[in-house]
Amino acid sequence: MSRCVRWTAAVAAAVLLAGCSSGSSGSGGDEGKGRSDRSDPASTSPTAAPPSGLPSSLTSQRLDWARCKATSNSPAPGGDWQCATLKVPLDWSRPGGQTIGLALIRAKATGGHRIGSLLFNFGGPGGSGVAAMPSYSSTVSALRERYDLVSWDPRGVGASEGVRCRSDRQIQAAETIDATPDTPAEEQAYFQDAADFGKGCQKTAGKLLAHVSTTDTARDMDLIRQVLGDAKMHYFGISYGTELGGVYAHLFPKHVGPLVLDAVVDPTADSVGHALNQTKGFQRALDDYLKSTGQDPKRGSQKIADLLKRMDAKPLPTSSGRKLTQTLAVTGIVLPLYSKDSWPTLTSALTAAEQGDGSKLLSLADAYNARDTSGHYGTTTQAQRVISCLDDKQRPTPAQTKKLLAEFEKVSPVFGDFMGWDTAGWCHDWPVAGQYDTPEVSASGAAPILVVGNTGDPATPYEGARKMVDELGKGVGVELTWKGEGHGAYGSGSDCVDSTVNAYLLKGTVPKDGKVCS
């Protein structure tokens, strides 16, 4: 999947930089197992509601919590962590039919006066909650005093019927495909690779490919809530998890308890709009990084763009023997922009690349692509594509994309060309139809939902927070702003943000809409 450059809207990217195992996130120990039907997928309607009332075989499940086991890609978390499997319908329009298993993880509340379960989604789409939750628990230790911390691998991710569309060898071969084609031959190879990826997903996922949408996962969330015994949903969604939380609130407004949406995806943006938003966000973060090093952002960006152009013609050598291509270099630049603490790492990698050594940028790209030292790739980026291509109805043609390139390149000389081509390549010739242009998140009648935006966020630009507040509806969305850098706000060093979110979740204190933490 490394050929594609659509970047994950997930806290997982920052977790990778903090030193988590890049080979385990989203891989899971049971991916691809237990799927009995490999027939061709069929399109489903996102608006078709399941029959009222669910069978007791689903709602009366007793989860067999047990100590989490190690997988082939990651060690077991500490003894505080328990894992279980929840049965959910493959097809929510037929809740009494075939089921699939979702992997859950929890750590019980440490203090008295337990409120209930706090369900986390760390974004992506495609991020493994089972892998990320233990690493993130220290950030939310204050919340654990009164909540069980719970997360899960959404359908199609990791240990929840995780989709793997390509072998490691095929992924590495795809790294040589030029993601910004300059010739008819390169363009043909680019789109053929995209079509081949979709065929690989269709072959391995079977019927599941048509049932991994955000709407499907939102319905899974409500079953999780019921089986955990919570009268209301208590939820913390980060990045793509904010879109998922908004869709949940729309489907189940009366079930909404305290919901925190941090690093907010713009729900009014279609797939092209989302690509433009990310282009603007990463360029804004790159400008801020360049300013921090004493460089003029315009000249500094052009210097990086020139470096990438040279790599397009001649990839850089690395200490591993692999070549640093232009596309891998861009991915390596993107990763440190998720966290201001990683900006020095970016400086070191760019300096080495200017001197002809691509090793450091390749290492960053490998971390983003979840490639370990043995050459094994995780499945996060594959699941991301599978989920988003089922969600997104918009399918720009190559001709339409070429007309968009100038707009993307004007926004960013570094990222624009890549993100522009990606609008056509990402879901090209996808075997299942997309479900909507933009997600429906209106939630009239829901309890107040806290929406947290960061003015320096690269992956989910700040403007999306106000758009989410407006779309949730009057009296529902409440905006909290942090004037900071990096992806997300909670746990990023602002006592103001952390105390406001904690008071909302622990005490039910709703801040004034528009509160700003600087």
Protein backbone atom coordinates (compact mmCIF):
# COMPACT_ATOMS: atom_id res chain seq x y z
CA MET A 1 0.00 0.00 0.00
CA SER A 2 3.00 2.26 0.24
CA ARG A 3 2.34 3.58 -3.25
CA CYS A 4 -0.71 5.45 -2.03
CA VAL A 5 -0.14 8.66 -0.16
CA ARG A 6 -3.48 9.34 1.52
CA TRP A 7 -2.45 9.88 5.10
CA THR A 8 -4.04 8.38 8.13
CA ALA A 9 -6.23 10.55 10.32
CA ALA A 10 -5.22 8.72 13.47
CA VAL A 11 -3.47 9.16 16.78
CA ALA A 12 -1.63 5.96 15.82
CA ALA A 13 0.83 7.95 13.73
CA ALA A 14 1.95 9.86 16.79
CA VAL A 15 2.09 6.64 18.78
CA LEU A 16 4.47 5.21 16.18
CA LEU A 17 6.81 8.11 16.75
CA ALA A 18 6.66 7.48 20.48
CA GLY A 19 8.23 4.09 19.89
CA CYS A 20 5.39 1.59 19.60
CA SER A 21 6.00 -1.47 17.45
CA SER A 22 5.39 -0.42 13.88
CA GLY A 23 4.82 -3.95 12.74
CA SER A 24 1.98 -4.76 15.07
CA SER A 25 -0.44 -1.91 14.84
CA GLY A 26 -3.42 -3.07 12.87
CA SER A 27 -1.95 -6.49 12.13
CA GLY A 28 -3.53 -8.57 14.82
CA GLY A 29 -2.81 -12.20 15.50
CA ASP A 30 -5.90 -13.63 13.83
CA GLU A 31 -6.23 -11.61 10.65
CA GLY A 32 -8.01 -13.42 7.87
CA LYS A 33 -9.02 -16.37 10.07
CA GLY A 34 -12.54 -17.62 10.61
CA ARG A 35 -14.03 -16.10 7.46
CA SER A 36 -16.10 -18.83 5.89
CA ASP A 37 -17.57 -17.02 2.87
CA ARG A 38 -15.24 -15.74 0.14
CA SER A 39 -17.86 -14.98 -2.50
CA ASP A 40 -18.03 -11.70 -4.37
CA PRO A 41 -19.21 -8.70 -2.33
CA ALA A 42 -22.36 -6.81 -3.14
CA SER A 43 -23.22 -3.18 -2.62
CA THR A 44 -25.36 -2.26 0.37
CA SER A 45 -27.36 0.84 1.20
CA PRO A 46 -26.00 2.96 4.06
CA THR A 47 -29.46 4.30 4.83
CA ALA A 48 -31.22 0.96 5.19
CA ALA A 49 -31.90 0.60 8.90
CA PRO A 50 -31.74 -2.86 10.43
CA PRO A 51 -34.99 -4.38 11.67
CA SER A 52 -36.14 -3.00 15.01
CA GLY A 53 -35.06 -5.16 17.89
CA LEU A 54 -32.00 -7.39 17.86
CA PRO A 55 -31.92 -11.11 18.61
CA SER A 56 -31.07 -12.00 22.18
CA SER A 57 -28.15 -14.06 20.87
CA LEU A 58 -26.51 -10.69 20.24
CA THR A 59 -27.79 -8.46 23.03
CA SER A 60 -27.45 -11.08 25.79
CA GLN A 61 -23.89 -12.08 24.99
CA ARG A 62 -21.62 -12.66 27.97
CA LEU A 63 -18.10 -11.59 27.09
CA ASP A 64 -15.45 -14.09 28.13
CA TRP A 65 -12.85 -11.62 29.36
CA ALA A 66 -9.40 -13.14 29.80
CA ARG A 67 -5.84 -11.91 29.97
CA CYS A 68 -4.70 -10.69 26.55
CA LYS A 69 -2.32 -12.97 24.71
CA ALA A 70 0.72 -12.08 22.66
CA THR A 71 0.39 -12.20 18.89
CA SER A 72 2.98 -13.00 16.26
CA ASN A 73 3.62 -9.26 15.92
CA SER A 74 3.43 -7.87 19.45
CA PRO A 75 3.88 -8.94 23.06
CA ALA A 76 0.95 -9.22 25.42
CA PRO A 77 0.10 -6.03 27.34
CA GLY A 78 0.37 -5.97 31.12
CA GLY A 79 -1.80 -7.98 33.46
CA ASP A 80 -4.34 -5.18 33.84
CA TRP A 81 -5.55 -5.75 30.31
CA GLN A 82 -8.26 -8.22 29.38
CA CYS A 83 -9.45 -9.24 25.91
CA ALA A 84 -12.69 -10.74 24.60
CA THR A 85 -14.56 -11.31 21.33
CA LEU A 86 -18.00 -9.86 20.57
CA LYS A 87 -20.29 -11.31 17.93
CA VAL A 88 -21.87 -8.79 15.53
CA PRO A 89 -23.91 -9.31 12.35
CA LEU A 90 -21.92 -9.39 9.13
CA ASP A 91 -24.84 -7.56 7.51
CA TRP A 92 -26.76 -5.22 9.81
CA SER A 93 -29.84 -5.45 7.57
CA ARG A 94 -29.94 -9.14 8.56
CA PRO A 95 -29.04 -9.14 12.26
CA GLY A 96 -30.14 -12.76 12.67
CA GLY A 97 -27.80 -13.98 9.96
CA GLN A 98 -24.09 -14.68 9.72
CA THR A 99 -21.91 -13.12 12.43
CA ILE A 100 -18.29 -12.03 12.66
CA GLY A 101 -16.12 -11.50 15.72
CA LEU A 102 -14.82 -8.17 16.99
CA ALA A 103 -11.74 -8.12 19.23
CA LEU A 104 -12.19 -5.99 22.39
CA ILE A 105 -9.73 -4.90 25.08
CA ARG A 106 -10.33 -3.31 28.49
CA ALA A 107 -8.71 -2.26 31.72
CA LYS A 108 -11.03 -1.89 34.68
CA ALA A 109 -11.47 1.37 36.57
CA THR A 110 -8.96 1.83 39.36
CA GLY A 111 -10.98 3.97 41.77
CA GLY A 112 -14.37 3.98 43.41
CA HIS A 113 -17.60 5.50 42.08
CA ARG A 114 -17.25 3.88 38.67
CA ILE A 115 -19.21 5.69 35.95
CA GLY A 116 -19.13 2.96 33.31
CA SER A 117 -17.12 2.10 30.20
CA LEU A 118 -15.32 4.73 28.12
CA LEU A 119 -15.00 3.49 24.53
CA PHE A 120 -12.04 4.74 22.47
CA ASN A 121 -11.49 4.86 18.72
CA PHE A 122 -8.03 6.08 17.68
CA GLY A 123 -8.77 6.86 14.07
CA GLY A 124 -7.53 5.80 10.68
CA PRO A 125 -9.80 4.42 9.56
CA GLY A 126 -8.03 1.13 10.05
CA GLY A 127 -6.30 1.74 13.37
CA SER A 128 -6.26 -1.11 15.88
CA GLY A 129 -7.76 -0.14 19.21
CA VAL A 130 -6.54 -3.37 20.76
CA ALA A 131 -2.96 -2.40 19.89
CA ALA A 132 -3.25 1.31 20.71
CA MET A 133 -5.26 1.31 23.94
CA PRO A 134 -2.54 0.05 26.32
CA SER A 135 -0.04 2.56 24.89
CA TYR A 136 -2.51 5.42 25.29
CA SER A 137 -3.68 4.50 28.77
CA SER A 138 -1.07 6.61 30.56
CA THR A 139 -2.42 9.67 28.75
CA VAL A 140 -5.90 9.03 30.15
CA SER A 141 -4.92 7.74 33.60
CA ALA A 142 -7.15 10.34 35.28
CA LEU A 143 -10.14 9.00 33.38
CA ARG A 144 -9.40 5.41 34.36
CA GLU A 145 -10.08 6.23 37.99
CA ARG A 146 -13.80 6.18 37.21
CA TYR A 147 -14.06 4.47 33.82
CA ASP A 148 -13.19 1.09 32.44
CA LEU A 149 -11.00 1.91 29.45
CA VAL A 150 -12.31 -0.03 26.44
CA SER A 151 -11.35 -0.18 22.78
CA TRP A 152 -11.72 -2.59 19.89
CA ASP A 153 -10.54 -3.49 16.42
CA PRO A 154 -13.35 -2.32 14.12
CA ARG A 155 -14.61 -4.76 11.50
CA GLY A 156 -12.00 -5.36 8.82
CA VAL A 157 -9.18 -4.27 11.14
CA GLY A 158 -6.53 -6.32 12.91
CA ALA A 159 -8.00 -9.20 14.89
CA SER A 160 -11.57 -8.35 13.81
CA GLU A 161 -11.56 -10.13 10.46
CA GLY A 162 -8.63 -7.93 9.42
CA VAL A 163 -8.40 -7.48 5.66
CA ARG A 164 -5.03 -8.11 4.02
CA CYS A 165 -5.14 -7.30 0.32
CA ARG A 166 -1.48 -7.83 -0.54
CA SER A 167 1.49 -9.89 0.54
CA ASP A 168 4.60 -8.21 1.91
CA ARG A 169 6.38 -8.87 -1.37
CA GLN A 170 3.58 -7.25 -3.37
CA ILE A 171 3.56 -4.21 -1.08
CA GLN A 172 7.28 -3.69 -1.46
CA ALA A 173 7.01 -4.07 -5.23
CA ALA A 174 4.30 -1.39 -5.28
CA GLU A 175 6.70 1.05 -3.63
CA THR A 176 8.37 1.46 -7.02
CA ILE A 177 5.16 2.79 -8.63
CA ASP A 178 5.33 6.55 -9.21
CA ALA A 179 2.43 8.17 -7.33
CA THR A 180 2.82 11.38 -9.38
CA PRO A 181 2.98 9.97 -12.91
CA ASP A 182 4.78 12.09 -15.49
CA THR A 183 4.37 9.90 -18.59
CA PRO A 184 1.58 7.81 -20.12
CA ALA A 185 3.44 4.65 -19.11
CA GLU A 186 3.73 5.79 -15.48
CA GLU A 187 0.06 6.78 -15.46
CA GLN A 188 -0.98 3.38 -16.79
CA ALA A 189 1.14 1.63 -14.14
CA TYR A 190 -0.32 3.84 -11.40
CA PHE A 191 -3.95 3.07 -12.20
CA GLN A 192 -3.28 -0.60 -12.96
CA ASP A 193 -1.71 -0.94 -9.52
CA ALA A 194 -4.78 0.69 -7.95
CA ALA A 195 -7.11 -1.71 -9.76
CA ASP A 196 -4.97 -4.69 -8.78
CA PHE A 197 -5.15 -3.65 -5.14
CA GLY A 198 -8.95 -3.62 -5.24
CA LYS A 199 -9.01 -7.05 -6.83
CA GLY A 200 -6.75 -8.37 -4.10
CA CYS A 201 -9.10 -7.03 -1.44
CA GLN A 202 -12.10 -8.57 -3.20
CA LYS A 203 -10.39 -11.95 -3.36
CA THR A 204 -9.38 -12.10 0.32
CA ALA A 205 -12.29 -10.27 1.99
CA GLY A 206 -15.24 -11.76 0.11
CA LYS A 207 -18.62 -10.60 1.43
CA LEU A 208 -16.97 -8.59 4.19
CA LEU A 209 -15.77 -5.98 1.68
CA ALA A 210 -19.32 -4.61 1.42
CA HIS A 211 -19.82 -4.48 5.20
CA VAL A 212 -16.93 -2.49 6.68
CA SER A 213 -18.40 1.00 6.38
CA THR A 214 -18.38 3.65 9.08
CA THR A 215 -22.14 3.14 9.41
CA ASP A 216 -21.63 -0.58 10.04
CA THR A 217 -19.05 0.18 12.71
CA ALA A 218 -21.29 2.78 14.37
CA ARG A 219 -23.98 0.11 14.73
CA ASP A 220 -21.35 -2.24 16.18
CA MET A 221 -20.58 0.45 18.76
CA ASP A 222 -24.14 0.48 20.01
CA LEU A 223 -24.11 -3.28 20.44
CA ILE A 224 -20.84 -2.94 22.36
CA ARG A 225 -22.57 -0.40 24.60
CA GLN A 226 -25.47 -2.74 25.28
CA VAL A 227 -23.34 -5.80 25.99
CA LEU A 228 -21.09 -3.79 28.33
CA GLY A 229 -24.20 -2.81 30.27
CA ASP A 230 -24.07 0.96 29.76
CA ALA A 231 -27.34 2.87 29.46
CA LYS A 232 -25.57 5.64 27.51
CA MET A 233 -22.56 5.72 25.22
CA HIS A 234 -19.44 7.23 26.80
CA TYR A 235 -16.99 7.75 23.95
CA PHE A 236 -13.62 9.31 23.11
CA GLY A 237 -13.03 9.53 19.35
CA ILE A 238 -9.79 10.82 17.88
CA SER A 239 -9.27 11.91 14.27
CA TYR A 240 -11.33 9.59 12.03
CA GLY A 241 -12.88 8.50 15.33
CA THR A 242 -14.62 11.90 15.34
CA GLU A 243 -16.41 11.07 12.09
CA LEU A 244 -17.34 7.70 13.53
CA GLY A 245 -18.62 9.39 16.68
CA GLY A 246 -20.67 11.84 14.64
CA VAL A 247 -22.26 9.04 12.61
CA TYR A 248 -23.04 7.18 15.86
CA ALA A 249 -24.70 10.28 17.31
CA HIS A 250 -26.83 10.65 14.17
CA LEU A 251 -27.98 7.01 14.30
CA PHE A 252 -28.50 6.84 18.07
CA PRO A 253 -29.02 10.39 19.43
CA LYS A 254 -30.97 9.18 22.47
CA HIS A 255 -28.11 6.86 23.44
CA VAL A 256 -25.52 9.65 23.50
CA GLY A 257 -23.83 10.25 26.84
CA PRO A 258 -20.56 12.21 27.11
CA LEU A 259 -18.85 12.13 23.70
CA VAL A 260 -15.45 13.72 23.09
CA LEU A 261 -14.40 14.32 19.48
CA ASP A 262 -10.71 15.38 19.29
CA ALA A 263 -8.83 16.21 16.04
CA VAL A 264 -11.97 16.60 14.02
CA VAL A 265 -12.62 15.41 10.47
CA ASP A 266 -14.68 17.91 8.49
CA PRO A 267 -18.03 16.15 7.92
CA THR A 268 -18.97 18.53 5.09
CA ALA A 269 -15.99 17.58 2.90
CA ASP A 270 -16.30 14.97 0.16
CA SER A 271 -13.27 12.88 -0.81
CA VAL A 272 -11.73 15.65 -2.93
CA GLY A 273 -12.47 18.22 -0.25
CA HIS A 274 -10.89 15.98 2.39
CA ALA A 275 -7.77 15.61 0.25
CA LEU A 276 -7.57 19.39 -0.14
CA ASN A 277 -8.05 19.85 3.60
CA GLN A 278 -5.18 17.47 4.36
CA THR A 279 -2.98 19.18 1.79
CA LYS A 280 -3.63 22.52 3.48
CA GLY A 281 -3.15 21.05 6.94
CA PHE A 282 0.19 19.39 6.23
CA GLN A 283 1.50 22.43 4.38
CA ARG A 284 0.48 24.60 7.32
CA ALA A 285 2.32 22.27 9.69
CA LEU A 286 5.35 22.23 7.38
CA ASP A 287 5.35 26.05 7.31
CA ASP A 288 5.29 26.14 11.11
CA TYR A 289 8.12 23.61 11.24
CA LEU A 290 10.22 25.64 8.80
CA LYS A 291 9.61 28.82 10.79
CA SER A 292 10.81 27.02 13.93
CA THR A 293 14.13 26.32 12.18
CA GLY A 294 14.55 29.94 11.10
CA GLN A 295 13.67 29.30 7.46
CA ASP A 296 11.29 31.21 5.23
CA PRO A 297 8.36 28.80 4.67
CA LYS A 298 8.05 29.54 0.96
CA ARG A 299 11.76 29.08 0.22
CA GLY A 300 12.04 26.11 2.57
CA SER A 301 9.07 24.36 0.95
CA GLN A 302 10.51 24.92 -2.50
CA LYS A 303 13.84 23.48 -1.38
CA ILE A 304 12.05 20.30 -0.22
CA ALA A 305 10.01 20.19 -3.44
CA ASP A 306 13.24 20.39 -5.47
CA LEU A 307 14.72 17.55 -3.40
CA LEU A 308 11.66 15.40 -4.11
CA LYS A 309 11.86 16.21 -7.82
CA ARG A 310 15.45 14.99 -7.91
CA MET A 311 14.36 11.78 -6.19
CA ASP A 312 11.62 11.31 -8.76
CA ALA A 313 14.35 11.07 -11.40
CA LYS A 314 16.88 9.23 -9.21
CA PRO A 315 15.84 7.61 -5.88
CA LEU A 316 18.35 7.91 -3.05
CA PRO A 317 20.43 5.00 -1.74
CA THR A 318 19.94 3.84 1.86
CA SER A 319 21.90 1.74 4.32
CA SER A 320 19.32 -1.06 3.94
CA GLY A 321 20.02 -1.49 0.24
CA ARG A 322 16.50 -0.35 -0.67
CA LYS A 323 15.94 2.88 -2.58
CA LEU A 324 14.17 5.95 -1.18
CA THR A 325 11.64 6.87 -3.85
CA GLN A 326 9.92 10.21 -4.11
CA THR A 327 6.69 8.75 -2.69
CA LEU A 328 8.41 7.10 0.27
CA ALA A 329 10.24 10.36 0.95
CA VAL A 330 6.97 12.31 1.14
CA THR A 331 5.58 9.71 3.55
CA GLY A 332 8.72 10.07 5.66
CA ILE A 333 8.27 13.85 5.77
CA VAL A 334 4.61 13.56 6.75
CA LEU A 335 5.09 11.36 9.83
CA PRO A 336 7.10 13.82 12.00
CA LEU A 337 4.56 16.55 11.25
CA TYR A 338 2.02 14.70 13.42
CA SER A 339 3.91 15.77 16.56
CA LYS A 340 5.96 18.89 17.28
CA ASP A 341 8.27 16.80 19.46
CA SER A 342 9.36 14.98 16.28
CA TRP A 343 10.39 18.07 14.33
CA PRO A 344 14.11 17.58 15.19
CA THR A 345 13.83 14.08 13.68
CA LEU A 346 12.55 15.66 10.47
CA THR A 347 15.47 18.10 10.41
CA SER A 348 17.96 15.27 10.73
CA ALA A 349 16.28 13.19 8.02
CA LEU A 350 16.05 16.09 5.54
CA THR A 351 19.67 17.05 6.15
CA ALA A 352 20.81 13.50 5.46
CA ALA A 353 18.69 13.34 2.29
CA GLU A 354 20.19 16.59 0.98
CA GLN A 355 23.59 14.95 1.47
CA GLY A 356 22.51 11.93 -0.59
CA ASP A 357 21.52 9.47 2.17
CA GLY A 358 17.85 8.44 2.23
CA SER A 359 18.14 6.07 5.22
CA LYS A 360 16.45 8.27 7.82
CA LEU A 361 13.51 9.28 5.65
CA LEU A 362 13.04 5.65 4.64
CA SER A 363 12.98 4.63 8.29
CA LEU A 364 10.24 7.19 8.95
CA ALA A 365 8.26 5.99 5.92
CA ASP A 366 8.59 2.39 7.10
CA ALA A 367 7.27 3.37 10.53
CA TYR A 368 4.27 5.05 8.93
CA ASN A 369 3.64 2.06 6.67
CA ALA A 370 3.99 -0.33 9.65
CA ARG A 371 6.94 -2.16 8.07
CA ASP A 372 9.21 -3.92 10.55
CA THR A 373 12.89 -4.76 10.14
CA SER A 374 12.07 -8.20 8.72
CA GLY A 375 10.07 -6.66 5.87
CA HIS A 376 6.62 -7.50 7.27
CA TYR A 377 3.94 -4.86 6.82
CA GLY A 378 0.99 -4.23 9.11
CA THR A 379 -2.51 -3.90 7.71
CA THR A 380 -3.53 -0.45 8.94
CA THR A 381 -3.17 1.31 5.58
CA GLN A 382 -4.88 -1.55 3.76
CA ALA A 383 -7.86 -1.43 6.12
CA GLN A 384 -7.95 2.35 5.79
CA ARG A 385 -8.43 2.09 2.07
CA VAL A 386 -11.00 -0.71 2.29
CA ILE A 387 -13.16 1.27 4.75
CA SER A 388 -12.88 4.68 3.12
CA CYS A 389 -13.58 3.34 -0.38
CA LEU A 390 -16.80 1.77 0.89
CA ASP A 391 -17.75 5.06 2.55
CA ASP A 392 -16.85 7.44 -0.29
CA LYS A 393 -19.19 7.59 -3.26
CA GLN A 394 -17.10 10.15 -5.14
CA ARG A 395 -14.80 8.57 -7.75
CA PRO A 396 -12.90 11.24 -9.75
CA THR A 397 -11.70 10.02 -13.14
CA PRO A 398 -8.09 10.50 -14.27
CA ALA A 399 -9.24 13.31 -16.57
CA GLN A 400 -11.09 15.07 -13.73
CA THR A 401 -8.09 14.68 -11.45
CA LYS A 402 -5.73 16.27 -13.97
CA LYS A 403 -7.93 19.37 -13.92
CA LEU A 404 -7.60 19.49 -10.12
CA LEU A 405 -3.81 19.23 -9.99
CA ALA A 406 -3.12 22.94 -10.39
CA GLU A 407 -5.33 23.74 -7.39
CA PHE A 408 -3.59 21.15 -5.23
CA GLU A 409 -0.12 22.29 -6.31
CA LYS A 410 -1.01 25.90 -5.54
CA VAL A 411 -1.94 24.88 -1.99
CA SER A 412 1.31 22.96 -1.48
CA PRO A 413 4.40 22.52 -3.68
CA VAL A 414 5.42 19.59 -1.46
CA PHE A 415 2.21 17.62 -0.95
CA GLY A 416 -0.19 18.93 -3.61
CA ASP A 417 0.83 16.75 -6.54
CA PHE A 418 0.64 13.59 -4.45
CA MET A 419 -2.73 14.35 -2.90
CA GLY A 420 -4.17 15.50 -6.21
CA TRP A 421 -3.34 12.25 -8.02
CA ASP A 422 -4.53 10.31 -4.99
CA THR A 423 -8.11 11.52 -5.48
CA ALA A 424 -8.33 9.33 -8.59
CA GLY A 425 -5.98 6.52 -7.61
CA TRP A 426 -7.25 5.76 -4.12
CA CYS A 427 -10.53 4.05 -5.08
CA HIS A 428 -9.90 3.54 -8.80
CA ASP A 429 -11.95 0.66 -10.22
CA TRP A 430 -13.03 -0.31 -6.71
CA PRO A 431 -15.18 -3.48 -6.70
CA VAL A 432 -17.84 -2.13 -4.31
CA ALA A 433 -19.83 1.10 -4.73
CA GLY A 434 -19.34 3.90 -2.22
CA GLN A 435 -22.16 4.84 0.12
CA TYR A 436 -22.20 8.63 0.54
CA ASP A 437 -20.60 11.90 -0.55
CA THR A 438 -20.36 13.15 3.02
CA PRO A 439 -21.30 11.48 6.32
CA GLU A 440 -24.56 12.41 8.03
CA VAL A 441 -23.82 13.58 11.59
CA SER A 442 -26.85 15.67 12.54
CA ALA A 443 -27.90 14.57 16.02
CA SER A 444 -30.97 16.51 17.10
CA GLY A 445 -31.96 15.61 20.64
CA ALA A 446 -28.54 14.29 21.65
CA ALA A 447 -26.78 15.40 24.82
CA PRO A 448 -23.99 18.01 24.39
CA ILE A 449 -20.97 16.65 22.51
CA LEU A 450 -17.52 18.17 23.15
CA VAL A 451 -15.67 18.95 19.90
CA VAL A 452 -11.95 19.73 20.29
CA GLY A 453 -9.95 21.46 17.55
CA ASN A 454 -6.22 22.24 17.34
CA THR A 455 -5.18 25.24 15.24
CA GLY A 456 -1.93 23.54 14.16
CA ASP A 457 -3.33 20.10 13.36
CA PRO A 458 -1.87 18.76 10.07
CA ALA A 459 -4.06 15.71 9.41
CA THR A 460 -7.43 17.12 10.47
CA PRO A 461 -7.23 20.89 10.00
CA TYR A 462 -8.76 23.08 12.70
CA GLU A 463 -11.61 24.37 10.52
CA GLY A 464 -13.24 20.94 10.66
CA ALA A 465 -14.11 21.38 14.34
CA ARG A 466 -16.53 24.24 13.74
CA LYS A 467 -17.99 22.42 10.75
CA MET A 468 -18.68 19.41 12.99
CA VAL A 469 -20.30 21.61 15.65
CA ASP A 470 -22.57 23.19 13.06
CA GLU A 471 -23.53 19.83 11.52
CA LEU A 472 -24.29 18.17 14.86
CA GLY A 473 -26.96 20.79 15.37
CA LYS A 474 -27.94 23.61 17.67
CA GLY A 475 -27.43 22.80 21.33
CA VAL A 476 -25.48 19.60 20.59
CA GLY A 477 -21.95 20.47 19.44
CA VAL A 478 -19.74 22.44 21.86
CA GLU A 479 -16.39 23.65 20.50
CA LEU A 480 -13.14 23.77 22.48
CA THR A 481 -10.08 25.25 20.73
CA TRP A 482 -6.41 24.69 21.51
CA LYS A 483 -3.82 26.97 19.88
CA GLY A 484 -1.19 24.29 19.53
CA GLU A 485 0.74 22.07 17.12
CA GLY A 486 0.46 18.41 16.17
CA HIS A 487 -2.38 15.98 15.67
CA GLY A 488 -4.97 16.20 18.44
CA ALA A 489 -5.18 18.28 21.59
CA TYR A 490 -5.88 16.10 24.64
CA GLY A 491 -2.72 14.88 26.33
CA SER A 492 -0.53 17.18 24.22
CA GLY A 493 0.64 19.45 27.02
CA SER A 494 -2.28 21.79 27.61
CA ASP A 495 -3.58 21.69 31.19
CA CYS A 496 -6.50 23.82 30.02
CA VAL A 497 -7.58 21.24 27.41
CA ASP A 498 -7.03 18.24 29.67
CA SER A 499 -8.87 19.71 32.66
CA THR A 500 -11.81 20.81 30.48
CA VAL A 501 -12.17 17.38 28.89
CA ASN A 502 -11.76 15.61 32.24
CA ALA A 503 -14.41 17.79 33.88
CA TYR A 504 -16.80 17.04 31.02
CA LEU A 505 -16.28 13.28 31.21
CA LEU A 506 -15.97 12.89 34.97
CA LYS A 507 -18.31 15.57 36.31
CA GLY A 508 -20.63 16.32 33.39
CA THR A 509 -19.40 19.93 33.22
CA VAL A 510 -20.07 21.29 29.73
CA PRO A 511 -17.82 24.24 28.84
CA LYS A 512 -19.07 27.33 27.07
CA ASP A 513 -19.14 26.87 23.32
CA GLY A 514 -16.09 28.59 21.82
CA LYS A 515 -13.75 28.24 24.80
CA VAL A 516 -10.10 28.77 23.78
CA CYS A 517 -7.00 27.27 25.40
CA SER A 518 -3.78 28.99 24.35
